[in-house]
Amino acid sequence: MPVIRDIPLSLEINDVLRRQGIRDYSRLRDETKALIYELIASAENDGLLEPAVAYEIHAIANIDHDRLYLEGGLVLNGSLFSSVLSSARELAIVVGTIGPNLEEKVVDYFANNEPVKGLLLDGIGSAAVDSLFQEACRSIAQEASTRGYQASSPLSPGVQGFPLTEQWQVFRLVPAEQVGVSLTESGVMVPRKSVSMVIGFGPQMRTWTQAQVCAHCNLRRTCRYKIVSVDG
């Protein structure tokens, strides 16, 4: 099982604020901006970020209208697979995390009556996961290229057509414990600042825009954090 560590993450203040649901950056007070920059520096320099990604690649045996069959008899359920991964020959199963340290620091801030720092640092953690997601996709695309394939855009459990309940099967297909990620009884990833996805490998794989990704999300009408506006 390949594991990628020492992943460079991009932490921009606009991404942090978007993760706080703040869109009007110009109205943010200067002292708040200064505090965000201070917390970003702390996250980067004080060991609060330990990004790591684990992945496994499985050969695809067949895809029908609501199931993806892997060689060896393993199955993923989802109506989305037949439309977006129909030409895939292999499937990369990916789990990544920024580690537990940032979350623990957030808890400390709240315990010490510093809720503003806690909220802002939590937003930094979410922005770090977003960056980790993008870096993981780039690494997996490079892996696909070495195998003579293209990589699809990623699909994560919980998007429309890929039920969140499939998270359990995803974790059976990649030993996520190698990067310190596990599932609670209710299916929540621990550490919370973690991500899971599947990516198809094939000769001509379909990719999609951020707007299309948001359009398939079950929270598309109410999400405060989406990068683009989505109608419907």
C-alpha atoms as a PDB file:
ATOM      1  CA  MET A   1       0.000   0.000   0.000  1.00  0.00           C
ATOM      2  CA  PRO A   2       1.591   3.287  -1.063  1.00  0.00           C
ATOM      3  CA  VAL A   3       1.720   6.070   1.543  1.00  0.00           C
ATOM      4  CA  ILE A   4       2.564   9.680   0.664  1.00  0.00           C
ATOM      5  CA  ARG A   5       3.851  12.021   3.377  1.00  0.00           C
ATOM      6  CA  ASP A   6       5.501  15.449   3.524  1.00  0.00           C
ATOM      7  CA  ILE A   7       2.808  16.843   1.237  1.00  0.00           C
ATOM      8  CA  PRO A   8       3.052  20.607   0.555  1.00  0.00           C
ATOM      9  CA  LEU A   9      -0.183  22.384   1.468  1.00  0.00           C
ATOM     10  CA  SER A  10      -1.319  25.808   0.282  1.00  0.00           C
ATOM     11  CA  LEU A  11      -2.983  27.915   2.976  1.00  0.00           C
ATOM     12  CA  GLU A  12      -4.391  31.169   1.625  1.00  0.00           C
ATOM     13  CA  ILE A  13      -6.413  33.533   3.800  1.00  0.00           C
ATOM     14  CA  ASN A  14      -9.316  33.618   1.306  1.00  0.00           C
ATOM     15  CA  ASP A  15      -9.615  29.828   1.486  1.00  0.00           C
ATOM     16  CA  VAL A  16      -9.606  29.959   5.290  1.00  0.00           C
ATOM     17  CA  LEU A  17     -12.330  32.622   5.320  1.00  0.00           C
ATOM     18  CA  ARG A  18     -14.436  30.689   2.803  1.00  0.00           C
ATOM     19  CA  ARG A  19     -14.277  27.746   5.176  1.00  0.00           C
ATOM     20  CA  GLN A  20     -15.682  30.070   7.847  1.00  0.00           C
ATOM     21  CA  GLY A  21     -18.539  31.035   5.521  1.00  0.00           C
ATOM     22  CA  ILE A  22     -17.115  34.559   5.104  1.00  0.00           C
ATOM     23  CA  ARG A  23     -17.395  35.944   1.575  1.00  0.00           C
ATOM     24  CA  ASP A  24     -16.924  39.686   2.016  1.00  0.00           C
ATOM     25  CA  TYR A  25     -13.195  39.707   2.751  1.00  0.00           C
ATOM     26  CA  SER A  26     -12.887  43.492   2.442  1.00  0.00           C
ATOM     27  CA  ARG A  27     -14.971  44.051   5.567  1.00  0.00           C
ATOM     28  CA  LEU A  28     -12.779  41.868   7.761  1.00  0.00           C
ATOM     29  CA  ARG A  29     -11.023  43.796  10.533  1.00  0.00           C
ATOM     30  CA  ASP A  30      -7.261  44.157  10.238  1.00  0.00           C
ATOM     31  CA  GLU A  31      -6.664  42.576  13.652  1.00  0.00           C
ATOM     32  CA  THR A  32      -8.663  39.513  12.603  1.00  0.00           C
ATOM     33  CA  LYS A  33      -6.609  39.189   9.425  1.00  0.00           C
ATOM     34  CA  ALA A  34      -3.415  39.490  11.484  1.00  0.00           C
ATOM     35  CA  LEU A  35      -4.637  36.754  13.839  1.00  0.00           C
ATOM     36  CA  ILE A  36      -5.389  34.451  10.903  1.00  0.00           C
ATOM     37  CA  TYR A  37      -1.884  34.948   9.511  1.00  0.00           C
ATOM     38  CA  GLU A  38      -0.459  34.258  12.971  1.00  0.00           C
ATOM     39  CA  LEU A  39      -2.462  31.028  13.272  1.00  0.00           C
ATOM     40  CA  ILE A  40      -1.500  29.908   9.752  1.00  0.00           C
ATOM     41  CA  ALA A  41       2.168  30.379  10.678  1.00  0.00           C
ATOM     42  CA  SER A  42       1.616  28.415  13.871  1.00  0.00           C
ATOM     43  CA  ALA A  43      -0.085  25.572  11.994  1.00  0.00           C
ATOM     44  CA  GLU A  44       2.787  25.385   9.505  1.00  0.00           C
ATOM     45  CA  ASN A  45       5.679  25.791  11.943  1.00  0.00           C
ATOM     46  CA  ASP A  46       4.515  24.158  15.178  1.00  0.00           C
ATOM     47  CA  GLY A  47       3.764  20.663  13.923  1.00  0.00           C
ATOM     48  CA  LEU A  48      -0.007  21.071  13.762  1.00  0.00           C
ATOM     49  CA  LEU A  49      -0.143  19.727  10.197  1.00  0.00           C
ATOM     50  CA  GLU A  50       1.005  16.189   9.404  1.00  0.00           C
ATOM     51  CA  PRO A  51      -0.520  15.529   5.967  1.00  0.00           C
ATOM     52  CA  ALA A  52      -0.485  11.948   4.746  1.00  0.00           C
ATOM     53  CA  VAL A  53      -2.297   9.962   2.073  1.00  0.00           C
ATOM     54  CA  ALA A  54      -2.735   6.207   1.697  1.00  0.00           C
ATOM     55  CA  TYR A  55      -4.075   4.598  -1.440  1.00  0.00           C
ATOM     56  CA  GLU A  56      -4.641   1.235  -3.099  1.00  0.00           C
ATOM     57  CA  ILE A  57      -5.347   0.494  -6.754  1.00  0.00           C
ATOM     58  CA  HIS A  58      -7.825  -2.257  -7.646  1.00  0.00           C
ATOM     59  CA  ALA A  59      -8.646  -3.718 -11.060  1.00  0.00           C
ATOM     60  CA  ILE A  60     -12.271  -3.222 -12.125  1.00  0.00           C
ATOM     61  CA  ALA A  61     -14.136  -6.341 -13.249  1.00  0.00           C
ATOM     62  CA  ASN A  62     -17.441  -4.746 -14.293  1.00  0.00           C
ATOM     63  CA  ILE A  63     -19.728  -1.739 -13.804  1.00  0.00           C
ATOM     64  CA  ASP A  64     -23.503  -1.980 -14.075  1.00  0.00           C
ATOM     65  CA  HIS A  65     -26.201   0.618 -13.433  1.00  0.00           C
ATOM     66  CA  ASP A  66     -25.717   0.817  -9.662  1.00  0.00           C
ATOM     67  CA  ARG A  67     -22.652  -1.272  -8.744  1.00  0.00           C
ATOM     68  CA  LEU A  68     -18.930  -1.271  -9.408  1.00  0.00           C
ATOM     69  CA  TYR A  69     -17.362  -4.732  -9.193  1.00  0.00           C
ATOM     70  CA  LEU A  70     -13.678  -5.073  -8.385  1.00  0.00           C
ATOM     71  CA  GLU A  71     -11.619  -8.149  -9.121  1.00  0.00           C
ATOM     72  CA  GLY A  72     -11.685 -10.430  -6.115  1.00  0.00           C
ATOM     73  CA  GLY A  73     -15.423 -10.004  -5.575  1.00  0.00           C
ATOM     74  CA  LEU A  74     -15.419  -6.641  -3.801  1.00  0.00           C
ATOM     75  CA  VAL A  75     -18.275  -4.273  -4.659  1.00  0.00           C
ATOM     76  CA  LEU A  76     -18.989  -0.545  -4.337  1.00  0.00           C
ATOM     77  CA  ASN A  77     -22.611   0.574  -4.606  1.00  0.00           C
ATOM     78  CA  GLY A  78     -23.594   3.800  -6.341  1.00  0.00           C
ATOM     79  CA  SER A  79     -25.634   4.916  -9.319  1.00  0.00           C
ATOM     80  CA  LEU A  80     -22.968   7.501 -10.238  1.00  0.00           C
ATOM     81  CA  PHE A  81     -20.345   4.942 -11.280  1.00  0.00           C
ATOM     82  CA  SER A  82     -21.965   3.788 -14.507  1.00  0.00           C
ATOM     83  CA  SER A  83     -22.203   7.334 -15.885  1.00  0.00           C
ATOM     84  CA  VAL A  84     -18.825   8.788 -14.862  1.00  0.00           C
ATOM     85  CA  LEU A  85     -16.529   5.743 -14.596  1.00  0.00           C
ATOM     86  CA  SER A  86     -17.866   3.590 -17.445  1.00  0.00           C
ATOM     87  CA  SER A  87     -14.486   3.488 -19.243  1.00  0.00           C
ATOM     88  CA  ALA A  88     -12.368   2.947 -16.108  1.00  0.00           C
ATOM     89  CA  ARG A  89     -10.089  -0.095 -15.985  1.00  0.00           C
ATOM     90  CA  GLU A  90      -8.798   0.428 -12.458  1.00  0.00           C
ATOM     91  CA  LEU A  91      -9.943   2.254  -9.331  1.00  0.00           C
ATOM     92  CA  ALA A  92      -7.741   4.125  -6.870  1.00  0.00           C
ATOM     93  CA  ILE A  93      -9.128   4.148  -3.319  1.00  0.00           C
ATOM     94  CA  VAL A  94      -7.679   7.074  -1.359  1.00  0.00           C
ATOM     95  CA  VAL A  95      -7.768   8.203   2.289  1.00  0.00           C
ATOM     96  CA  GLY A  96      -5.896  11.270   3.497  1.00  0.00           C
ATOM     97  CA  THR A  97      -5.612  13.343   6.653  1.00  0.00           C
ATOM     98  CA  ILE A  98      -3.805  16.339   8.118  1.00  0.00           C
ATOM     99  CA  GLY A  99      -3.450  14.411  11.388  1.00  0.00           C
ATOM    100  CA  PRO A 100      -4.905  14.995  14.879  1.00  0.00           C
ATOM    101  CA  ASN A 101      -2.656  17.779  16.194  1.00  0.00           C
ATOM    102  CA  LEU A 102      -4.578  20.746  14.807  1.00  0.00           C
ATOM    103  CA  GLU A 103      -7.888  19.420  16.134  1.00  0.00           C
ATOM    104  CA  GLU A 104      -6.348  18.952  19.565  1.00  0.00           C
ATOM    105  CA  LYS A 105      -5.103  22.550  19.518  1.00  0.00           C
ATOM    106  CA  VAL A 106      -8.603  23.753  18.594  1.00  0.00           C
ATOM    107  CA  VAL A 107      -9.976  21.912  21.631  1.00  0.00           C
ATOM    108  CA  ASP A 108      -7.302  23.537  23.800  1.00  0.00           C
ATOM    109  CA  TYR A 109      -8.260  27.023  22.600  1.00  0.00           C
ATOM    110  CA  PHE A 110     -11.900  26.467  23.504  1.00  0.00           C
ATOM    111  CA  ALA A 111     -10.970  24.931  26.856  1.00  0.00           C
ATOM    112  CA  ASN A 112      -8.838  28.010  27.628  1.00  0.00           C
ATOM    113  CA  ASN A 113     -11.646  30.438  26.718  1.00  0.00           C
ATOM    114  CA  GLU A 114     -10.135  31.488  23.404  1.00  0.00           C
ATOM    115  CA  PRO A 115     -13.054  30.648  21.074  1.00  0.00           C
ATOM    116  CA  VAL A 116     -12.049  33.062  18.289  1.00  0.00           C
ATOM    117  CA  LYS A 117      -8.675  31.375  17.933  1.00  0.00           C
ATOM    118  CA  GLY A 118     -10.398  28.005  18.086  1.00  0.00           C
ATOM    119  CA  LEU A 119     -12.861  28.859  15.321  1.00  0.00           C
ATOM    120  CA  LEU A 120     -10.234  30.412  13.076  1.00  0.00           C
ATOM    121  CA  LEU A 121      -7.795  27.526  13.546  1.00  0.00           C
ATOM    122  CA  ASP A 122     -10.589  25.072  12.743  1.00  0.00           C
ATOM    123  CA  GLY A 123     -11.157  26.965   9.483  1.00  0.00           C
ATOM    124  CA  ILE A 124      -7.440  26.728   8.744  1.00  0.00           C
ATOM    125  CA  GLY A 125      -7.669  22.979   9.263  1.00  0.00           C
ATOM    126  CA  SER A 126     -10.570  22.709   6.825  1.00  0.00           C
ATOM    127  CA  ALA A 127      -8.664  24.758   4.240  1.00  0.00           C
ATOM    128  CA  ALA A 128      -5.669  22.458   4.768  1.00  0.00           C
ATOM    129  CA  VAL A 129      -7.860  19.427   4.041  1.00  0.00           C
ATOM    130  CA  ASP A 130      -9.075  21.109   0.844  1.00  0.00           C
ATOM    131  CA  SER A 131      -5.442  21.605  -0.209  1.00  0.00           C
ATOM    132  CA  LEU A 132      -4.595  18.016   0.746  1.00  0.00           C
ATOM    133  CA  PHE A 133      -7.482  16.829  -1.427  1.00  0.00           C
ATOM    134  CA  GLN A 134      -6.087  18.677  -4.442  1.00  0.00           C
ATOM    135  CA  GLU A 135      -2.521  17.459  -3.851  1.00  0.00           C
ATOM    136  CA  ALA A 136      -3.746  13.876  -3.450  1.00  0.00           C
ATOM    137  CA  CYS A 137      -5.602  14.113  -6.762  1.00  0.00           C
ATOM    138  CA  ARG A 138      -2.449  15.368  -8.477  1.00  0.00           C
ATOM    139  CA  SER A 139      -0.389  12.501  -7.067  1.00  0.00           C
ATOM    140  CA  ILE A 140      -2.972   9.919  -8.112  1.00  0.00           C
ATOM    141  CA  ALA A 141      -3.133  11.433 -11.620  1.00  0.00           C
ATOM    142  CA  GLN A 142       0.644  11.000 -11.881  1.00  0.00           C
ATOM    143  CA  GLU A 143       0.254   7.371 -10.800  1.00  0.00           C
ATOM    144  CA  ALA A 144      -2.381   6.856 -13.493  1.00  0.00           C
ATOM    145  CA  SER A 145      -0.020   8.320 -16.088  1.00  0.00           C
ATOM    146  CA  THR A 146       2.765   5.894 -15.145  1.00  0.00           C
ATOM    147  CA  ARG A 147       0.296   3.070 -15.809  1.00  0.00           C
ATOM    148  CA  GLY A 148      -0.585   4.455 -19.226  1.00  0.00           C
ATOM    149  CA  TYR A 149      -3.983   5.805 -18.160  1.00  0.00           C
ATOM    150  CA  GLN A 150      -5.759   9.052 -17.450  1.00  0.00           C
ATOM    151  CA  ALA A 151      -7.335   9.765 -14.056  1.00  0.00           C
ATOM    152  CA  SER A 152     -10.944  10.794 -13.543  1.00  0.00           C
ATOM    153  CA  SER A 153     -11.996  13.540 -11.198  1.00  0.00           C
ATOM    154  CA  PRO A 154     -12.533  12.234  -7.646  1.00  0.00           C
ATOM    155  CA  LEU A 155     -15.759  10.939  -6.122  1.00  0.00           C
ATOM    156  CA  SER A 156     -16.225  10.957  -2.357  1.00  0.00           C
ATOM    157  CA  PRO A 157     -18.806   9.013  -0.343  1.00  0.00           C
ATOM    158  CA  GLY A 158     -21.748  11.293   0.335  1.00  0.00           C
ATOM    159  CA  VAL A 159     -22.071  12.871  -3.110  1.00  0.00           C
ATOM    160  CA  GLN A 160     -25.307  12.226  -4.950  1.00  0.00           C
ATOM    161  CA  GLY A 161     -25.098   8.726  -6.446  1.00  0.00           C
ATOM    162  CA  PHE A 162     -22.349   7.500  -4.083  1.00  0.00           C
ATOM    163  CA  PRO A 163     -23.982   6.881  -0.672  1.00  0.00           C
ATOM    164  CA  LEU A 164     -22.177   7.877   2.512  1.00  0.00           C
ATOM    165  CA  THR A 165     -22.816   4.353   3.789  1.00  0.00           C
ATOM    166  CA  GLU A 166     -20.204   3.162   1.273  1.00  0.00           C
ATOM    167  CA  GLN A 167     -17.571   4.758   3.498  1.00  0.00           C
ATOM    168  CA  TRP A 168     -17.323   1.421   5.296  1.00  0.00           C
ATOM    169  CA  GLN A 169     -16.491  -0.394   2.070  1.00  0.00           C
ATOM    170  CA  VAL A 170     -13.960   2.270   1.108  1.00  0.00           C
ATOM    171  CA  PHE A 171     -12.138   1.657   4.381  1.00  0.00           C
ATOM    172  CA  ARG A 172     -12.113  -2.078   3.683  1.00  0.00           C
ATOM    173  CA  LEU A 173     -10.354  -1.406   0.392  1.00  0.00           C
ATOM    174  CA  VAL A 174      -7.488   0.716   1.708  1.00  0.00           C
ATOM    175  CA  PRO A 175      -5.660   0.261   5.043  1.00  0.00           C
ATOM    176  CA  ALA A 176      -6.321   3.784   6.279  1.00  0.00           C
ATOM    177  CA  GLU A 177      -4.866   2.923   9.677  1.00  0.00           C
ATOM    178  CA  GLN A 178      -1.434   3.333   8.069  1.00  0.00           C
ATOM    179  CA  VAL A 179      -2.047   7.095   8.085  1.00  0.00           C
ATOM    180  CA  GLY A 180      -3.911   7.054  11.408  1.00  0.00           C
ATOM    181  CA  VAL A 181      -7.481   7.315  10.102  1.00  0.00           C
ATOM    182  CA  SER A 182     -10.380   5.237  11.396  1.00  0.00           C
ATOM    183  CA  LEU A 183     -14.178   5.283  11.385  1.00  0.00           C
ATOM    184  CA  THR A 184     -16.486   5.711  14.351  1.00  0.00           C
ATOM    185  CA  GLU A 185     -19.543   3.458  14.735  1.00  0.00           C
ATOM    186  CA  SER A 186     -21.577   6.106  12.915  1.00  0.00           C
ATOM    187  CA  GLY A 187     -19.111   6.263  10.000  1.00  0.00           C
ATOM    188  CA  VAL A 188     -17.374   9.549  10.874  1.00  0.00           C
ATOM    189  CA  MET A 189     -13.669   9.709  10.032  1.00  0.00           C
ATOM    190  CA  VAL A 190     -11.219  10.242  12.902  1.00  0.00           C
ATOM    191  CA  PRO A 191      -9.327  12.570  12.786  1.00  0.00           C
ATOM    192  CA  ARG A 192     -12.207  14.698  11.496  1.00  0.00           C
ATOM    193  CA  LYS A 193      -9.856  16.636   9.233  1.00  0.00           C
ATOM    194  CA  SER A 194      -9.620  13.719   6.826  1.00  0.00           C
ATOM    195  CA  VAL A 195     -10.885  12.886   3.351  1.00  0.00           C
ATOM    196  CA  SER A 196     -11.729   9.786   1.332  1.00  0.00           C
ATOM    197  CA  MET A 197     -12.288   9.386  -2.410  1.00  0.00           C
ATOM    198  CA  VAL A 198     -12.182   7.041  -5.373  1.00  0.00           C
ATOM    199  CA  ILE A 199     -10.589   7.906  -8.727  1.00  0.00           C
ATOM    200  CA  GLY A 200     -10.958   5.930 -11.942  1.00  0.00           C
ATOM    201  CA  PHE A 201      -8.038   5.030 -14.223  1.00  0.00           C
ATOM    202  CA  GLY A 202      -8.701   4.469 -17.914  1.00  0.00           C
ATOM    203  CA  PRO A 203      -7.762   5.408 -21.476  1.00  0.00           C
ATOM    204  CA  GLN A 204     -10.179   8.351 -21.706  1.00  0.00           C
ATOM    205  CA  MET A 205     -11.481   9.307 -18.311  1.00  0.00           C
ATOM    206  CA  ARG A 206     -14.159  11.873 -17.693  1.00  0.00           C
ATOM    207  CA  THR A 207     -13.370  14.903 -15.554  1.00  0.00           C
ATOM    208  CA  TRP A 208     -15.683  17.633 -14.306  1.00  0.00           C
ATOM    209  CA  THR A 209     -15.599  21.180 -13.077  1.00  0.00           C
ATOM    210  CA  GLN A 210     -15.998  22.419  -9.503  1.00  0.00           C
ATOM    211  CA  ALA A 211     -19.531  23.525 -10.406  1.00  0.00           C
ATOM    212  CA  GLN A 212     -20.383  19.975 -11.487  1.00  0.00           C
ATOM    213  CA  VAL A 213     -18.892  18.592  -8.285  1.00  0.00           C
ATOM    214  CA  CYS A 214     -21.003  20.974  -6.201  1.00  0.00           C
ATOM    215  CA  ALA A 215     -24.083  20.096  -8.272  1.00  0.00           C
ATOM    216  CA  HIS A 216     -23.808  16.458  -7.184  1.00  0.00           C
ATOM    217  CA  CYS A 217     -23.412  17.318  -3.497  1.00  0.00           C
ATOM    218  CA  ASN A 218     -26.417  16.689  -1.263  1.00  0.00           C
ATOM    219  CA  LEU A 219     -25.721  20.014   0.503  1.00  0.00           C
ATOM    220  CA  ARG A 220     -25.547  22.071  -2.705  1.00  0.00           C
ATOM    221  CA  ARG A 221     -28.534  24.295  -1.769  1.00  0.00           C
ATOM    222  CA  THR A 222     -27.407  25.153   1.756  1.00  0.00           C
ATOM    223  CA  CYS A 223     -23.595  24.848   1.769  1.00  0.00           C
ATOM    224  CA  ARG A 224     -21.849  27.983   3.053  1.00  0.00           C
ATOM    225  CA  TYR A 225     -18.441  26.800   1.893  1.00  0.00           C
ATOM    226  CA  LYS A 226     -18.892  25.981  -1.793  1.00  0.00           C
ATOM    227  CA  ILE A 227     -16.376  27.554  -4.124  1.00  0.00           C
ATOM    228  CA  VAL A 228     -18.915  28.353  -6.841  1.00  0.00           C
ATOM    229  CA  SER A 229     -22.614  29.176  -6.923  1.00  0.00           C
ATOM    230  CA  VAL A 230     -24.851  26.280  -7.917  1.00  0.00           C
ATOM    231  CA  ASP A 231     -28.424  26.609  -9.067  1.00  0.00           C
ATOM    232  CA  GLY A 232     -31.137  24.095  -8.230  1.00  0.00           C
END
